[in-house]
Amino acid sequence: MKILTLNFLTCARKACKATNAAFPLHPRDAELEIVETDLNPLFIRNILPRVEWDALREICVELGLPALPDAAPEPGALFAESVIPTDAMRDAGEEVQKQPTQLLQDLHRLLLETTIVTGKLVCGNCGHEYAIKEGIANFLLPSHLV
């Protein structure tokens, strides 16, 4: 389960749907693995506005990962121009080379390459634990909790 996925999950119990404490689910006893993938700057730039930044920061702290900045970066801050364009270059329509910043590379590693292989996700409201095995979380609830 990728760290990005945790940013879109909440407790499956009906009693928790109306409470803010059910999001984010808190990882416990998590075994992490890095699965390298090609850098996808466009995906990171487009997904960033949809990410609940405070929840992502909280998850990073709970997993012992490097701390994130207090505020989400602006999408334009993810790239650095390798050549300082002149007005003449812009007027001529020349393409300016943009290089990914270290922040973009770090977000890619965190969101798309860091996975939880085993562990649990715990609801902050009801305390229900969802097991993660082989990177897959089990969100099936026992009949008495449905």
Protein backbone atom coordinates (compact mmCIF):
# COMPACT_ATOMS: atom_id res chain seq x y z
CA MET A 1 0.00 0.00 0.00
CA LYS A 2 1.53 3.29 -1.10
CA ILE A 3 1.72 6.18 1.35
CA LEU A 4 -0.33 8.25 -1.10
CA THR A 5 -3.23 5.82 -0.64
CA LEU A 6 -3.43 6.58 3.08
CA ASN A 7 -4.32 10.15 2.19
CA PHE A 8 -7.60 8.98 0.66
CA LEU A 9 -8.73 6.37 3.21
CA THR A 10 -11.05 6.65 6.18
CA CYS A 11 -12.62 4.17 8.58
CA ALA A 12 -15.25 1.91 7.00
CA ARG A 13 -17.58 1.92 10.01
CA LYS A 14 -20.79 3.92 9.61
CA ALA A 15 -20.36 5.41 13.09
CA CYS A 16 -17.04 6.93 12.01
CA LYS A 17 -18.18 8.46 8.72
CA ALA A 18 -19.37 11.68 10.36
CA THR A 19 -16.32 12.27 12.55
CA ASN A 20 -13.05 13.97 11.68
CA ALA A 21 -11.09 11.62 13.95
CA ALA A 22 -11.57 8.76 11.46
CA PHE A 23 -9.16 10.44 9.04
CA PRO A 24 -6.34 9.75 8.53
CA LEU A 25 -6.01 6.13 9.52
CA HIS A 26 -2.91 5.78 11.67
CA PRO A 27 -0.27 3.22 10.65
CA ARG A 28 0.98 0.94 13.45
CA ASP A 29 3.71 -1.70 13.41
CA ALA A 30 4.32 -0.84 9.76
CA GLU A 31 7.07 -2.49 7.78
CA LEU A 32 8.06 -0.15 4.95
CA GLU A 33 9.62 -0.96 1.61
CA ILE A 34 10.89 1.27 -1.19
CA VAL A 35 9.77 0.14 -4.64
CA GLU A 36 11.58 2.32 -7.15
CA THR A 37 9.59 3.74 -10.05
CA ASP A 38 10.35 6.28 -12.75
CA LEU A 39 9.97 9.90 -11.69
CA ASN A 40 6.62 11.24 -12.85
CA PRO A 41 6.73 15.03 -12.28
CA LEU A 42 3.40 15.69 -14.01
CA PHE A 43 1.57 13.23 -11.75
CA ILE A 44 3.10 14.74 -8.59
CA ARG A 45 2.26 18.27 -9.73
CA ASN A 46 -1.36 17.32 -10.48
CA ILE A 47 -1.97 15.19 -7.36
CA LEU A 48 -0.45 17.68 -4.92
CA PRO A 49 -3.54 19.97 -4.73
CA ARG A 50 -5.66 16.91 -3.85
CA VAL A 51 -3.42 15.75 -1.01
CA GLU A 52 -4.51 16.58 2.53
CA TRP A 53 -1.16 18.03 3.57
CA ASP A 54 -1.66 18.01 7.36
CA ALA A 55 -2.70 14.34 7.26
CA LEU A 56 0.35 13.48 5.15
CA ARG A 57 2.63 15.28 7.61
CA GLU A 58 1.03 13.36 10.50
CA ILE A 59 1.52 10.02 8.73
CA CYS A 60 5.19 10.84 8.07
CA VAL A 61 5.74 11.57 11.76
CA GLU A 62 4.00 8.35 12.81
CA LEU A 63 6.11 6.29 10.40
CA GLY A 64 9.35 8.00 11.43
CA LEU A 65 9.90 9.43 7.95
CA PRO A 66 11.59 12.79 7.33
CA ALA A 67 9.39 15.74 8.27
CA LEU A 68 7.58 17.65 5.55
CA PRO A 69 7.35 21.45 5.33
CA ASP A 70 4.53 23.09 7.29
CA ALA A 71 2.66 24.09 4.13
CA ALA A 72 2.18 22.25 0.86
CA PRO A 73 4.53 23.50 -1.84
CA GLU A 74 3.18 25.37 -4.81
CA PRO A 75 3.29 23.24 -8.00
CA GLY A 76 5.65 25.77 -9.61
CA ALA A 77 8.16 25.27 -6.79
CA LEU A 78 8.73 21.67 -7.86
CA PHE A 79 10.88 22.61 -10.84
CA ALA A 80 14.04 24.66 -11.23
CA GLU A 81 15.06 26.23 -14.51
CA SER A 82 18.44 24.92 -15.58
CA VAL A 83 18.96 27.85 -17.93
CA ILE A 84 17.98 31.36 -16.96
CA PRO A 85 15.80 32.42 -19.87
CA THR A 86 16.30 35.80 -21.46
CA ASP A 87 13.46 37.85 -22.87
CA ALA A 88 14.80 37.15 -26.35
CA MET A 89 14.62 33.40 -25.70
CA ARG A 90 11.03 33.69 -24.52
CA ASP A 91 10.05 35.86 -27.48
CA ALA A 92 11.61 33.33 -29.86
CA GLY A 93 9.52 30.60 -28.24
CA GLU A 94 12.52 28.61 -27.08
CA GLU A 95 11.72 25.96 -24.53
CA VAL A 96 13.25 26.51 -21.12
CA GLN A 97 14.75 23.39 -19.56
CA LYS A 98 13.16 22.67 -16.20
CA GLN A 99 14.80 20.27 -13.78
CA PRO A 100 13.00 18.55 -10.89
CA THR A 101 13.90 20.00 -7.51
CA GLN A 102 14.96 17.91 -4.55
CA LEU A 103 11.51 18.52 -3.05
CA LEU A 104 9.84 16.97 -6.11
CA GLN A 105 12.14 13.95 -5.91
CA ASP A 106 11.45 13.59 -2.16
CA LEU A 107 7.67 13.78 -2.68
CA HIS A 108 7.88 11.19 -5.46
CA ARG A 109 9.85 8.87 -3.18
CA LEU A 110 7.40 9.37 -0.31
CA LEU A 111 4.11 9.20 -2.20
CA LEU A 112 4.84 6.70 -4.98
CA GLU A 113 7.82 4.60 -3.93
CA THR A 114 7.30 4.12 -0.17
CA THR A 115 4.94 1.24 0.54
CA ILE A 116 3.62 -0.40 3.68
CA VAL A 117 4.15 -4.14 3.29
CA THR A 118 2.73 -5.31 6.63
CA GLY A 119 1.20 -3.64 9.65
CA LYS A 120 -2.10 -2.16 10.72
CA LEU A 121 -4.17 0.94 10.07
CA VAL A 122 -5.96 2.18 13.18
CA CYS A 123 -9.02 4.45 13.24
CA GLY A 124 -8.53 7.45 15.51
CA ASN A 125 -12.24 7.46 16.37
CA CYS A 126 -13.22 3.87 17.16
CA GLY A 127 -9.79 2.23 17.40
CA HIS A 128 -10.65 -0.50 14.88
CA GLU A 129 -7.55 -2.05 13.29
CA TYR A 130 -7.33 -2.93 9.61
CA ALA A 131 -4.60 -5.45 8.86
CA ILE A 132 -2.13 -4.92 6.02
CA LYS A 133 -0.58 -8.06 4.57
CA GLU A 134 1.60 -8.19 1.48
CA GLY A 135 0.83 -4.53 0.83
CA ILE A 136 -2.95 -4.97 0.82
CA ALA A 137 -5.22 -3.57 3.52
CA ASN A 138 -8.25 -5.62 4.58
CA PHE A 139 -11.22 -3.28 4.99
CA LEU A 140 -13.83 -6.00 5.41
CA LEU A 141 -15.66 -5.47 8.68
CA PRO A 142 -17.04 -8.23 10.88
CA SER A 143 -20.85 -8.38 10.70
CA HIS A 144 -21.31 -6.89 14.18
CA LEU A 145 -19.52 -3.67 13.08
CA VAL A 146 -21.30 -3.11 9.77
